[in-house]
Amino acid sequence: MKKLNLKEQFLDGILYKNPVFVQLLGLCSMLAITTSISNAIGMGAAATAVLICSNLLISLLRKFIPKQVRIAAYVVIISGFVTAVELLIKAYLPSLDRSLGVFIPLIVVNCMILARAEAFASKNGPVASVIDGLAQGVGYTIALLVISAVREILGAGTIAGIPLFGENFKPMIIAILPPGGFIILGCLIALVNKLIHTIEAKQKGEKG
């Protein structure tokens, strides 16, 4: 069994295998809710909680779930945790529930959650799976925060609802519309890829 490496797992989740910038997973909900920082925090926290819990349970049950029905079993497990998270948000954070709307229950079909269940939790122990869920969730949340910050600043001139510019500021409305979301996402993906290539080239140079 591969030795658990916390640093490597977190670097993968945050940078090298970031769910949004590298693996391009969960883009539908990401583009819909990243118009403000508050939405990004709420969605990131919800997805991270589901990732951790589903990874843990799937890892514990990995030897008992028949291969023929594993995907269906994963979906049932994930949907159970999503329902619990949705009910908690409805009960304690009604304003966030109204803001995110249908995108909370749609976490069930977020390919990022299912991908980690199939690629990692079903093949590794509970501790490693929990850490993987946390790392991927943190990476996902960071990606949402960066995208929403850029879109909110350009599209509304605010950050977390706090005005940054004077009254003469003219917001770039396209930034908070779907086309602007795609453009900003593409630019950030390019920057992240450039950063990864630079780091890898530097590491190869040091080894050489």
Protein backbone atom coordinates (compact mmCIF):
# COMPACT_ATOMS: atom_id res chain seq x y z
CA MET A 1 0.00 0.00 0.00
CA LYS A 2 1.27 3.45 -0.92
CA LYS A 3 2.47 5.43 2.07
CA LEU A 4 0.23 8.32 3.09
CA ASN A 5 1.78 11.65 2.11
CA LEU A 6 -0.19 14.60 3.50
CA LYS A 7 1.83 17.25 1.70
CA GLU A 8 1.47 15.51 -1.65
CA GLN A 9 -2.27 15.00 -1.22
CA PHE A 10 -2.89 18.64 -0.35
CA LEU A 11 -0.66 19.91 -3.16
CA ASP A 12 -2.59 17.69 -5.58
CA GLY A 13 -5.95 18.98 -4.36
CA ILE A 14 -4.95 22.63 -4.30
CA LEU A 15 -2.71 22.80 -7.38
CA TYR A 16 -1.56 19.80 -9.40
CA LYS A 17 -4.95 18.03 -9.50
CA ASN A 18 -7.21 20.96 -8.68
CA PRO A 19 -10.79 19.86 -9.46
CA VAL A 20 -11.63 23.04 -11.39
CA PHE A 21 -8.41 24.41 -12.88
CA VAL A 22 -6.77 21.09 -13.81
CA GLN A 23 -9.38 18.32 -13.87
CA LEU A 24 -12.17 20.65 -15.11
CA LEU A 25 -14.81 19.00 -12.93
CA GLY A 26 -18.00 20.53 -11.54
CA LEU A 27 -17.95 23.44 -13.98
CA CYS A 28 -21.74 23.77 -14.36
CA SER A 29 -22.45 24.75 -10.75
CA MET A 30 -19.15 26.63 -10.57
CA LEU A 31 -20.09 29.00 -13.40
CA ALA A 32 -23.58 29.51 -11.97
CA ILE A 33 -22.70 30.41 -8.38
CA THR A 34 -19.36 32.25 -8.66
CA THR A 35 -20.89 35.70 -8.99
CA SER A 36 -20.15 36.53 -5.35
CA ILE A 37 -17.74 35.51 -2.58
CA SER A 38 -20.52 34.45 -0.20
CA ASN A 39 -21.93 31.99 -2.73
CA ALA A 40 -18.47 30.52 -3.33
CA ILE A 41 -17.85 29.99 0.39
CA GLY A 42 -21.24 28.34 0.87
CA MET A 43 -20.92 26.00 -2.11
CA GLY A 44 -17.29 25.17 -1.31
CA ALA A 45 -18.12 24.27 2.31
CA ALA A 46 -21.10 22.15 1.26
CA ALA A 47 -19.14 20.27 -1.41
CA THR A 48 -16.21 19.71 0.96
CA ALA A 49 -18.48 18.26 3.65
CA VAL A 50 -20.07 15.88 1.14
CA LEU A 51 -16.65 14.89 -0.24
CA ILE A 52 -15.23 14.03 3.17
CA CYS A 53 -18.28 12.08 4.37
CA SER A 54 -18.87 10.18 1.13
CA ASN A 55 -15.17 9.34 0.74
CA LEU A 56 -15.10 7.98 4.28
CA LEU A 57 -18.19 5.78 3.93
CA ILE A 58 -17.28 4.52 0.47
CA SER A 59 -13.79 3.64 1.69
CA LEU A 60 -15.23 1.71 4.63
CA LEU A 61 -17.64 -0.18 2.35
CA ARG A 62 -15.30 -0.61 -0.62
CA LYS A 63 -14.80 -4.35 -0.01
CA PHE A 64 -18.53 -5.01 0.36
CA ILE A 65 -19.91 -3.12 -2.66
CA PRO A 66 -20.13 -5.39 -5.74
CA LYS A 67 -18.26 -3.99 -8.73
CA GLN A 68 -21.34 -4.33 -10.93
CA VAL A 69 -23.35 -1.82 -8.87
CA ARG A 70 -20.57 0.35 -7.47
CA ILE A 71 -21.56 3.55 -9.34
CA ALA A 72 -25.21 3.22 -8.29
CA ALA A 73 -24.09 2.59 -4.71
CA TYR A 74 -21.82 5.64 -4.78
CA VAL A 75 -24.67 7.84 -6.04
CA VAL A 76 -26.98 6.62 -3.25
CA ILE A 77 -24.33 7.33 -0.60
CA ILE A 78 -23.53 10.75 -2.03
CA SER A 79 -27.21 11.70 -2.33
CA GLY A 80 -27.76 10.83 1.33
CA PHE A 81 -25.04 13.20 2.48
CA VAL A 82 -26.17 15.91 0.06
CA THR A 83 -29.70 15.69 1.48
CA ALA A 84 -28.34 16.05 5.01
CA VAL A 85 -26.25 19.08 4.05
CA GLU A 86 -29.19 20.65 2.20
CA LEU A 87 -31.49 20.26 5.21
CA LEU A 88 -28.87 21.76 7.54
CA ILE A 89 -28.46 24.76 5.24
CA LYS A 90 -32.24 25.22 5.01
CA ALA A 91 -32.52 25.11 8.79
CA TYR A 92 -29.59 27.29 9.81
CA LEU A 93 -28.63 29.34 6.72
CA PRO A 94 -31.87 30.20 4.90
CA SER A 95 -30.34 33.16 3.08
CA LEU A 96 -27.60 30.93 1.64
CA ASP A 97 -30.23 28.37 0.69
CA ARG A 98 -32.16 31.02 -1.25
CA SER A 99 -28.97 32.24 -2.91
CA LEU A 100 -27.69 28.85 -4.04
CA GLY A 101 -31.12 27.38 -4.73
CA VAL A 102 -31.11 24.19 -6.78
CA PHE A 103 -27.32 23.99 -6.94
CA ILE A 104 -27.06 22.46 -3.45
CA PRO A 105 -29.08 19.32 -4.35
CA LEU A 106 -27.25 19.21 -7.69
CA ILE A 107 -24.06 18.37 -5.77
CA VAL A 108 -25.34 14.79 -6.12
CA VAL A 109 -24.46 14.84 -9.82
CA ASN A 110 -21.27 16.88 -9.41
CA CYS A 111 -18.74 14.74 -11.28
CA MET A 112 -16.00 15.85 -8.88
CA ILE A 113 -17.63 13.94 -5.99
CA LEU A 114 -18.20 10.78 -8.01
CA ALA A 115 -14.72 10.98 -9.54
CA ARG A 116 -13.03 10.97 -6.12
CA ALA A 117 -15.22 8.08 -4.99
CA GLU A 118 -14.27 5.99 -8.02
CA ALA A 119 -10.64 7.04 -8.40
CA PHE A 120 -9.56 7.24 -4.75
CA ALA A 121 -12.00 6.25 -1.97
CA SER A 122 -12.82 2.89 -3.55
CA LYS A 123 -9.12 1.97 -3.63
CA ASN A 124 -7.73 3.44 -0.38
CA GLY A 125 -8.25 3.32 3.36
CA PRO A 126 -10.52 5.61 5.43
CA VAL A 127 -7.81 8.00 6.67
CA ALA A 128 -6.32 8.59 3.24
CA SER A 129 -9.81 8.96 1.75
CA VAL A 130 -10.85 11.57 4.32
CA ILE A 131 -7.67 13.54 3.68
CA ASP A 132 -8.24 13.27 -0.07
CA GLY A 133 -11.79 14.58 0.35
CA LEU A 134 -10.54 17.48 2.46
CA ALA A 135 -7.72 18.32 0.04
CA GLN A 136 -9.97 18.21 -3.03
CA GLY A 137 -12.65 20.20 -1.20
CA VAL A 138 -10.14 22.88 -0.19
CA GLY A 139 -8.86 23.03 -3.77
CA TYR A 140 -12.41 23.33 -5.08
CA THR A 141 -13.25 26.06 -2.57
CA ILE A 142 -10.09 28.03 -3.40
CA ALA A 143 -10.94 27.83 -7.10
CA LEU A 144 -14.48 29.08 -6.43
CA LEU A 145 -13.17 31.94 -4.29
CA VAL A 146 -10.62 33.07 -6.89
CA ILE A 147 -13.14 32.96 -9.75
CA SER A 148 -15.91 34.65 -7.76
CA ALA A 149 -13.51 37.36 -6.51
CA VAL A 150 -12.45 38.24 -10.06
CA ARG A 151 -16.04 38.17 -11.35
CA GLU A 152 -17.42 40.21 -8.44
CA ILE A 153 -14.66 42.84 -8.63
CA LEU A 154 -15.01 43.28 -12.39
CA GLY A 155 -18.76 42.85 -12.57
CA ALA A 156 -19.90 44.76 -9.49
CA GLY A 157 -16.88 46.66 -8.17
CA THR A 158 -17.22 44.96 -4.79
CA ILE A 159 -15.58 42.18 -2.80
CA ALA A 160 -17.87 40.26 -0.45
CA GLY A 161 -20.37 43.07 -0.98
CA ILE A 162 -17.92 45.79 0.12
CA PRO A 163 -17.47 48.58 -2.49
CA LEU A 164 -13.90 48.92 -3.72
CA PHE A 165 -14.14 51.83 -6.13
CA GLY A 166 -15.77 55.22 -6.27
CA GLU A 167 -19.13 56.19 -7.68
CA ASN A 168 -17.65 56.71 -11.14
CA PHE A 169 -16.70 53.04 -11.49
CA LYS A 170 -18.43 51.37 -14.40
CA PRO A 171 -18.75 47.62 -13.80
CA MET A 172 -17.97 45.12 -16.54
CA ILE A 173 -21.40 43.48 -16.55
CA ILE A 174 -20.27 40.64 -18.80
CA ALA A 175 -18.06 39.37 -15.94
CA ILE A 176 -21.10 38.22 -13.94
CA LEU A 177 -22.81 36.73 -16.99
CA PRO A 178 -22.14 33.17 -18.28
CA PRO A 179 -19.90 34.30 -21.19
CA GLY A 180 -17.73 36.30 -18.81
CA GLY A 181 -17.53 33.32 -16.48
CA PHE A 182 -16.14 31.16 -19.30
CA ILE A 183 -13.61 33.82 -20.31
CA ILE A 184 -12.37 34.34 -16.74
CA LEU A 185 -12.21 30.60 -16.14
CA GLY A 186 -10.14 30.11 -19.30
CA CYS A 187 -7.69 32.84 -18.28
CA LEU A 188 -7.29 31.37 -14.78
CA ILE A 189 -6.79 27.85 -16.17
CA ALA A 190 -4.01 29.21 -18.39
CA LEU A 191 -2.36 30.94 -15.41
CA VAL A 192 -2.54 27.80 -13.25
CA ASN A 193 -1.10 25.64 -16.04
CA LYS A 194 1.72 28.15 -16.51
CA LEU A 195 2.43 28.05 -12.77
CA ILE A 196 2.50 24.24 -12.74
CA HIS A 197 4.83 24.08 -15.75
CA THR A 198 7.13 26.66 -14.16
CA ILE A 199 7.32 24.73 -10.89
CA GLU A 200 7.93 21.43 -12.68
CA ALA A 201 10.65 22.97 -14.88
CA LYS A 202 12.35 24.44 -11.82
CA GLN A 203 12.23 21.07 -10.02
CA LYS A 204 13.72 19.31 -13.05
CA GLY A 205 16.46 21.93 -13.25
CA GLU A 206 17.34 21.43 -9.58
CA LYS A 207 17.49 17.65 -10.04
CA GLY A 208 19.61 18.04 -13.17
